[in-house]
C-alpha cells in the first residue's frame, strides 16, 4: 500500500462533517433537538478551522524543511 502524507486539514473537515451528519441524524430520530442554527454553523466553522490548520501545518513544514538535513531514501 502506498503511503500518503498526513493532511490535518482533511482530518478537521472530516470531523466537522461527521459532527454535522451525526447531529442531523440524531435530530431526525428525535433523540436530540439541535439548538437553533448550530448545526448549520458547524460546517462553515469546521471548514474555516480546516483552512487555518492547513496554513499552519504548511508553514511549520516549510520552516522545518529549512532546518532539517536531507533524508535518505529507504
PDB file of N, CA and C in Angstrom:
ATOM      1  N   UNK A   1       0.842  -1.177   0.000  1.00  0.00           N
ATOM      2  CA  UNK A   1       0.000   0.000   0.000  1.00  0.00           C
ATOM      3  C   UNK A   1       0.889   1.242   0.000  1.00  0.00           C
ATOM      4  N   UNK A   2       0.539   2.179  -0.850  1.00  0.00           N
ATOM      5  CA  UNK A   2       1.319   3.397  -0.970  1.00  0.00           C
ATOM      6  C   UNK A   2       1.066   4.318   0.213  1.00  0.00           C
ATOM      7  N   UNK A   3       2.140   4.862   0.760  1.00  0.00           N
ATOM      8  CA  UNK A   3       1.982   5.808   1.863  1.00  0.00           C
ATOM      9  C   UNK A   3       1.607   7.173   1.320  1.00  0.00           C
ATOM     10  N   UNK A   4       0.888   7.917   2.095  1.00  0.00           N
ATOM     11  CA  UNK A   4       0.497   9.264   1.695  1.00  0.00           C
ATOM     12  C   UNK A   4       0.832  10.222   2.833  1.00  0.00           C
ATOM     13  N   UNK A   5       1.010  11.490   2.507  1.00  0.00           N
ATOM     14  CA  UNK A   5       1.348  12.451   3.564  1.00  0.00           C
ATOM     15  C   UNK A   5       0.138  12.733   4.459  1.00  0.00           C
ATOM     16  N   UNK A   6       0.442  13.033   5.716  1.00  0.00           N
ATOM     17  CA  UNK A   6      -0.606  13.374   6.677  1.00  0.00           C
ATOM     18  C   UNK A   6      -1.124  14.767   6.359  1.00  0.00           C
ATOM     19  N   UNK A   7      -2.431  14.914   6.270  1.00  0.00           N
ATOM     20  CA  UNK A   7      -3.058  16.198   5.979  1.00  0.00           C
ATOM     21  C   UNK A   7      -4.064  16.518   7.087  1.00  0.00           C
ATOM     22  N   UNK A   8      -3.654  17.331   8.069  1.00  0.00           N
ATOM     23  CA  UNK A   8      -4.545  17.603   9.202  1.00  0.00           C
ATOM     24  C   UNK A   8      -5.786  18.400   8.822  1.00  0.00           C
ATOM     25  N   UNK A   9      -5.726  19.172   7.749  1.00  0.00           N
ATOM     26  CA  UNK A   9      -6.903  19.931   7.316  1.00  0.00           C
ATOM     27  C   UNK A   9      -8.044  19.014   6.917  1.00  0.00           C
ATOM     28  N   UNK A  10      -7.715  17.923   6.246  1.00  0.00           N
ATOM     29  CA  UNK A  10      -8.745  16.958   5.864  1.00  0.00           C
ATOM     30  C   UNK A  10      -9.321  16.255   7.084  1.00  0.00           C
ATOM     31  N   UNK A  11      -8.489  16.010   8.070  1.00  0.00           N
ATOM     32  CA  UNK A  11      -8.957  15.390   9.306  1.00  0.00           C
ATOM     33  C   UNK A  11      -9.960  16.298  10.010  1.00  0.00           C
ATOM     34  N   UNK A  12      -9.652  17.586  10.095  1.00  0.00           N
ATOM     35  CA  UNK A  12     -10.541  18.544  10.776  1.00  0.00           C
ATOM     36  C   UNK A  12     -11.845  18.704  10.006  1.00  0.00           C
ATOM     37  N   UNK A  13     -11.781  18.832   8.673  1.00  0.00           N
ATOM     38  CA  UNK A  13     -13.012  18.998   7.904  1.00  0.00           C
ATOM     39  C   UNK A  13     -13.856  17.723   7.935  1.00  0.00           C
ATOM     40  N   UNK A  14     -13.218  16.559   7.950  1.00  0.00           N
ATOM     41  CA  UNK A  14     -13.971  15.313   8.068  1.00  0.00           C
ATOM     42  C   UNK A  14     -14.653  15.182   9.412  1.00  0.00           C
ATOM     43  N   UNK A  15     -13.963  15.601  10.471  1.00  0.00           N
ATOM     44  CA  UNK A  15     -14.574  15.552  11.806  1.00  0.00           C
ATOM     45  C   UNK A  15     -15.763  16.512  11.892  1.00  0.00           C
ATOM     46  N   UNK A  16     -15.652  17.679  11.265  1.00  0.00           N
ATOM     47  CA  UNK A  16     -16.768  18.637  11.267  1.00  0.00           C
ATOM     48  C   UNK A  16     -17.956  18.074  10.490  1.00  0.00           C
ATOM     49  N   UNK A  17     -17.690  17.473   9.335  1.00  0.00           N
ATOM     50  CA  UNK A  17     -18.776  16.890   8.544  1.00  0.00           C
ATOM     51  C   UNK A  17     -19.425  15.724   9.286  1.00  0.00           C
ATOM     52  N   UNK A  18     -18.618  14.933   9.975  1.00  0.00           N
ATOM     53  CA  UNK A  18     -19.154  13.827  10.758  1.00  0.00           C
ATOM     54  C   UNK A  18     -20.017  14.334  11.915  1.00  0.00           C
ATOM     55  N   UNK A  19     -19.597  15.419  12.556  1.00  0.00           N
ATOM     56  CA  UNK A  19     -20.381  16.002  13.644  1.00  0.00           C
ATOM     57  C   UNK A  19     -21.721  16.525  13.133  1.00  0.00           C
ATOM     58  N   UNK A  20     -21.715  17.175  11.978  1.00  0.00           N
ATOM     59  CA  UNK A  20     -22.964  17.694  11.413  1.00  0.00           C
ATOM     60  C   UNK A  20     -23.888  16.545  11.030  1.00  0.00           C
ATOM     61  N   UNK A  21     -23.339  15.534  10.385  1.00  0.00           N
ATOM     62  CA  UNK A  21     -24.157  14.381   9.997  1.00  0.00           C
ATOM     63  C   UNK A  21     -24.749  13.667  11.206  1.00  0.00           C
ATOM     64  N   UNK A  22     -23.957  13.506  12.243  1.00  0.00           N
ATOM     65  CA  UNK A  22     -24.447  12.867  13.469  1.00  0.00           C
ATOM     66  C   UNK A  22     -25.531  13.715  14.118  1.00  0.00           C
ATOM     67  N   UNK A  23     -25.316  15.017  14.152  1.00  0.00           N
ATOM     68  CA  UNK A  23     -26.315  15.911  14.745  1.00  0.00           C
ATOM     69  C   UNK A  23     -27.635  15.870  14.000  1.00  0.00           C
ATOM     70  N   UNK A  24     -27.587  15.934  12.667  1.00  0.00           N
ATOM     71  CA  UNK A  24     -28.821  15.866  11.884  1.00  0.00           C
ATOM     72  C   UNK A  24     -29.487  14.502  12.019  1.00  0.00           C
ATOM     73  N   UNK A  25     -28.681  13.445  12.088  1.00  0.00           N
ATOM     74  CA  UNK A  25     -29.258  12.108  12.266  1.00  0.00           C
ATOM     75  C   UNK A  25     -29.964  11.965  13.599  1.00  0.00           C
ATOM     76  N   UNK A  26     -29.330  12.433  14.659  1.00  0.00           N
ATOM     77  CA  UNK A  26     -29.956  12.372  15.978  1.00  0.00           C
ATOM     78  C   UNK A  26     -31.210  13.239  16.044  1.00  0.00           C
ATOM     79  N   UNK A  27     -31.163  14.389  15.353  1.00  0.00           N
ATOM     80  CA  UNK A  27     -32.335  15.264  15.324  1.00  0.00           C
ATOM     81  C   UNK A  27     -33.475  14.609  14.547  1.00  0.00           C
ATOM     82  N   UNK A  28     -33.148  13.925  13.459  1.00  0.00           N
ATOM     83  CA  UNK A  28     -34.178  13.261  12.659  1.00  0.00           C
ATOM     84  C   UNK A  28     -34.810  12.102  13.414  1.00  0.00           C
ATOM     85  N   UNK A  29     -34.019  11.417  14.228  1.00  0.00           N
ATOM     86  CA  UNK A  29     -34.549  10.302  15.011  1.00  0.00           C
ATOM     87  C   UNK A  29     -35.313  10.763  16.245  1.00  0.00           C
ATOM     88  N   UNK A  30     -35.202  12.027  16.581  1.00  0.00           N
ATOM     89  CA  UNK A  30     -35.888  12.565  17.743  1.00  0.00           C
ATOM     90  C   UNK A  30     -35.149  12.312  19.047  1.00  0.00           C
ATOM     91  N   UNK A  31     -33.899  11.885  18.970  1.00  0.00           N
ATOM     92  CA  UNK A  31     -33.127  11.617  20.177  1.00  0.00           C
ATOM     93  C   UNK A  31     -32.473  12.877  20.742  1.00  0.00           C
ATOM     94  N   UNK A  32     -32.307  13.886  19.900  1.00  0.00           N
ATOM     95  CA  UNK A  32     -31.669  15.121  20.320  1.00  0.00           C
ATOM     96  C   UNK A  32     -32.229  16.251  19.472  1.00  0.00           C
ATOM     97  N   UNK A  33     -32.536  17.353  20.104  1.00  0.00           N
ATOM     98  CA  UNK A  33     -33.029  18.506  19.354  1.00  0.00           C
ATOM     99  C   UNK A  33     -31.886  19.507  19.197  1.00  0.00           C
ATOM    100  N   UNK A  34     -31.552  19.812  17.958  1.00  0.00           N
ATOM    101  CA  UNK A  34     -30.471  20.757  17.677  1.00  0.00           C
ATOM    102  C   UNK A  34     -30.901  22.160  18.086  1.00  0.00           C
ATOM    103  N   UNK A  35     -30.116  22.831  18.932  1.00  0.00           N
ATOM    104  CA  UNK A  35     -30.491  24.171  19.390  1.00  0.00           C
ATOM    105  C   UNK A  35     -30.250  25.234  18.315  1.00  0.00           C
ATOM    106  N   UNK A  36     -31.322  25.732  17.753  1.00  0.00           N
ATOM    107  CA  UNK A  36     -31.242  26.823  16.787  1.00  0.00           C
ATOM    108  C   UNK A  36     -30.448  26.453  15.547  1.00  0.00           C
ATOM    109  N   UNK A  37     -29.710  27.406  14.998  1.00  0.00           N
ATOM    110  CA  UNK A  37     -28.961  27.136  13.765  1.00  0.00           C
ATOM    111  C   UNK A  37     -27.556  26.588  14.017  1.00  0.00           C
ATOM    112  N   UNK A  38     -27.324  25.947  15.151  1.00  0.00           N
ATOM    113  CA  UNK A  38     -25.969  25.496  15.479  1.00  0.00           C
ATOM    114  C   UNK A  38     -25.422  24.513  14.461  1.00  0.00           C
ATOM    115  N   UNK A  39     -26.243  23.564  14.050  1.00  0.00           N
ATOM    116  CA  UNK A  39     -25.756  22.581  13.077  1.00  0.00           C
ATOM    117  C   UNK A  39     -25.441  23.233  11.739  1.00  0.00           C
ATOM    118  N   UNK A  40     -26.199  24.254  11.394  1.00  0.00           N
ATOM    119  CA  UNK A  40     -25.948  24.954  10.132  1.00  0.00           C
ATOM    120  C   UNK A  40     -24.625  25.727  10.185  1.00  0.00           C
ATOM    121  N   UNK A  41     -24.221  26.166  11.368  1.00  0.00           N
ATOM    122  CA  UNK A  41     -22.995  26.949  11.505  1.00  0.00           C
ATOM    123  C   UNK A  41     -21.751  26.103  11.777  1.00  0.00           C
ATOM    124  N   UNK A  42     -21.932  24.837  12.141  1.00  0.00           N
ATOM    125  CA  UNK A  42     -20.783  23.996  12.470  1.00  0.00           C
ATOM    126  C   UNK A  42     -19.944  23.706  11.235  1.00  0.00           C
ATOM    127  N   UNK A  43     -20.568  23.434  10.109  1.00  0.00           N
ATOM    128  CA  UNK A  43     -19.806  23.081   8.912  1.00  0.00           C
ATOM    129  C   UNK A  43     -18.941  24.235   8.407  1.00  0.00           C
ATOM    130  N   UNK A  44     -19.454  25.462   8.242  1.00  0.00           N
ATOM    131  CA  UNK A  44     -18.556  26.547   7.844  1.00  0.00           C
ATOM    132  C   UNK A  44     -17.449  26.816   8.863  1.00  0.00           C
ATOM    133  N   UNK A  45     -17.768  26.687  10.139  1.00  0.00           N
ATOM    134  CA  UNK A  45     -16.732  26.878  11.159  1.00  0.00           C
ATOM    135  C   UNK A  45     -15.674  25.789  11.050  1.00  0.00           C
ATOM    136  N   UNK A  46     -16.089  24.560  10.795  1.00  0.00           N
ATOM    137  CA  UNK A  46     -15.134  23.470  10.615  1.00  0.00           C
ATOM    138  C   UNK A  46     -14.262  23.664   9.389  1.00  0.00           C
ATOM    139  N   UNK A  47     -14.856  24.157   8.307  1.00  0.00           N
ATOM    140  CA  UNK A  47     -14.065  24.407   7.101  1.00  0.00           C
ATOM    141  C   UNK A  47     -13.081  25.557   7.312  1.00  0.00           C
ATOM    142  N   UNK A  48     -13.484  26.576   8.048  1.00  0.00           N
ATOM    143  CA  UNK A  48     -12.579  27.673   8.368  1.00  0.00           C
ATOM    144  C   UNK A  48     -11.422  27.171   9.232  1.00  0.00           C
ATOM    145  N   UNK A  49     -11.730  26.379  10.230  1.00  0.00           N
ATOM    146  CA  UNK A  49     -10.694  25.804  11.080  1.00  0.00           C
ATOM    147  C   UNK A  49      -9.776  24.879  10.278  1.00  0.00           C
ATOM    148  N   UNK A  50     -10.345  24.180   9.315  1.00  0.00           N
ATOM    149  CA  UNK A  50      -9.553  23.315   8.445  1.00  0.00           C
ATOM    150  C   UNK A  50      -8.564  24.133   7.619  1.00  0.00           C
ATOM    151  N   UNK A  51      -8.999  25.260   7.093  1.00  0.00           N
ATOM    152  CA  UNK A  51      -8.104  26.120   6.329  1.00  0.00           C
ATOM    153  C   UNK A  51      -6.982  26.692   7.181  1.00  0.00           C
ATOM    154  N   UNK A  52      -7.323  27.099   8.389  1.00  0.00           N
ATOM    155  CA  UNK A  52      -6.306  27.626   9.304  1.00  0.00           C
ATOM    156  C   UNK A  52      -5.299  26.532   9.655  1.00  0.00           C
ATOM    157  N   UNK A  53      -5.815  25.325   9.919  1.00  0.00           N
ATOM    158  CA  UNK A  53      -4.939  24.199  10.252  1.00  0.00           C
ATOM    159  C   UNK A  53      -3.997  23.884   9.099  1.00  0.00           C
ATOM    160  N   UNK A  54      -4.515  23.903   7.876  1.00  0.00           N
ATOM    161  CA  UNK A  54      -3.685  23.621   6.709  1.00  0.00           C
ATOM    162  C   UNK A  54      -2.604  24.680   6.545  1.00  0.00           C
ATOM    163  N   UNK A  55      -2.948  25.946   6.742  1.00  0.00           N
ATOM    164  CA  UNK A  55      -1.962  27.020   6.601  1.00  0.00           C
ATOM    165  C   UNK A  55      -0.866  26.913   7.658  1.00  0.00           C
ATOM    166  N   UNK A  56      -1.255  26.638   8.891  1.00  0.00           N
ATOM    167  CA  UNK A  56      -0.266  26.498   9.967  1.00  0.00           C
ATOM    168  C   UNK A  56       0.612  25.280   9.720  1.00  0.00           C
ATOM    169  N   UNK A  57       0.012  24.177   9.281  1.00  0.00           N
ATOM    170  CA  UNK A  57       0.766  22.953   9.005  1.00  0.00           C
ATOM    171  C   UNK A  57       1.773  23.182   7.870  1.00  0.00           C
ATOM    172  N   UNK A  58       1.354  23.870   6.823  1.00  0.00           N
ATOM    173  CA  UNK A  58       2.254  24.138   5.702  1.00  0.00           C
ATOM    174  C   UNK A  58       3.401  25.047   6.129  1.00  0.00           C
ATOM    175  N   UNK A  59       3.105  26.060   6.939  1.00  0.00           N
ATOM    176  CA  UNK A  59       4.158  26.961   7.413  1.00  0.00           C
ATOM    177  C   UNK A  59       5.154  26.216   8.302  1.00  0.00           C
ATOM    178  N   UNK A  60       4.660  25.341   9.149  1.00  0.00           N
ATOM    179  CA  UNK A  60       5.549  24.568  10.025  1.00  0.00           C
ATOM    180  C   UNK A  60       6.409  23.618   9.212  1.00  0.00           C
ATOM    181  N   UNK A  61       5.836  22.999   8.190  1.00  0.00           N
ATOM    182  CA  UNK A  61       6.619  22.086   7.343  1.00  0.00           C
ATOM    183  C   UNK A  61       7.668  22.844   6.547  1.00  0.00           C
ATOM    184  N   UNK A  62       7.305  24.035   6.077  1.00  0.00           N
ATOM    185  CA  UNK A  62       8.275  24.851   5.344  1.00  0.00           C
ATOM    186  C   UNK A  62       9.432  25.248   6.249  1.00  0.00           C
ATOM    187  N   UNK A  63       9.123  25.670   7.460  1.00  0.00           N
ATOM    188  CA  UNK A  63      10.154  26.075   8.415  1.00  0.00           C
ATOM    189  C   UNK A  63      11.004  24.882   8.818  1.00  0.00           C
ATOM    190  N   UNK A  64      10.382  23.756   9.057  1.00  0.00           N
ATOM    191  CA  UNK A  64      11.107  22.551   9.457  1.00  0.00           C
ATOM    192  C   UNK A  64      11.982  22.049   8.303  1.00  0.00           C
ATOM    193  N   UNK A  65      11.521  22.218   7.084  1.00  0.00           N
ATOM    194  CA  UNK A  65      12.266  21.754   5.918  1.00  0.00           C
ATOM    195  C   UNK A  65      13.579  22.493   5.735  1.00  0.00           C
ATOM    196  N   UNK A  66      13.641  23.738   6.147  1.00  0.00           N
ATOM    197  CA  UNK A  66      14.882  24.511   6.013  1.00  0.00           C
ATOM    198  C   UNK A  66      15.933  24.064   7.021  1.00  0.00           C
ATOM    199  N   UNK A  67      15.495  23.676   8.199  1.00  0.00           N
ATOM    200  CA  UNK A  67      16.428  23.344   9.273  1.00  0.00           C
ATOM    201  C   UNK A  67      16.883  21.879   9.239  1.00  0.00           C
ATOM    202  N   UNK A  68      16.078  21.011   8.678  1.00  0.00           N
ATOM    203  CA  UNK A  68      16.362  19.590   8.748  1.00  0.00           C
ATOM    204  C   UNK A  68      17.374  19.165   7.694  1.00  0.00           C
ATOM    205  N   UNK A  69      18.243  18.210   8.008  1.00  0.00           N
ATOM    206  CA  UNK A  69      19.143  17.679   6.996  1.00  0.00           C
ATOM    207  C   UNK A  69      18.360  16.837   5.990  1.00  0.00           C
ATOM    208  N   UNK A  70      18.873  16.650   4.790  1.00  0.00           N
ATOM    209  CA  UNK A  70      18.133  15.864   3.806  1.00  0.00           C
ATOM    210  C   UNK A  70      17.985  14.408   4.260  1.00  0.00           C
ATOM    211  N   UNK A  71      16.832  13.838   3.965  1.00  0.00           N
ATOM    212  CA  UNK A  71      16.561  12.461   4.367  1.00  0.00           C
ATOM    213  C   UNK A  71      17.075  11.504   3.296  1.00  0.00           C
ATOM    214  N   UNK A  72      17.530  10.342   3.741  1.00  0.00           N
ATOM    215  CA  UNK A  72      17.986   9.320   2.799  1.00  0.00           C
ATOM    216  C   UNK A  72      16.803   8.471   2.368  1.00  0.00           C
ATOM    217  N   UNK A  73      16.752   8.078   1.078  1.00  0.00           N
ATOM    218  CA  UNK A  73      15.653   7.224   0.640  1.00  0.00           C
ATOM    219  C   UNK A  73      15.732   5.851   1.286  1.00  0.00           C
ATOM    220  N   UNK A  74      14.569   5.284   1.544  1.00  0.00           N
ATOM    221  CA  UNK A  74      14.510   3.971   2.214  1.00  0.00           C
ATOM    222  C   UNK A  74      14.509   2.876   1.193  1.00  0.00           C
TER     223      UNK A  74
END
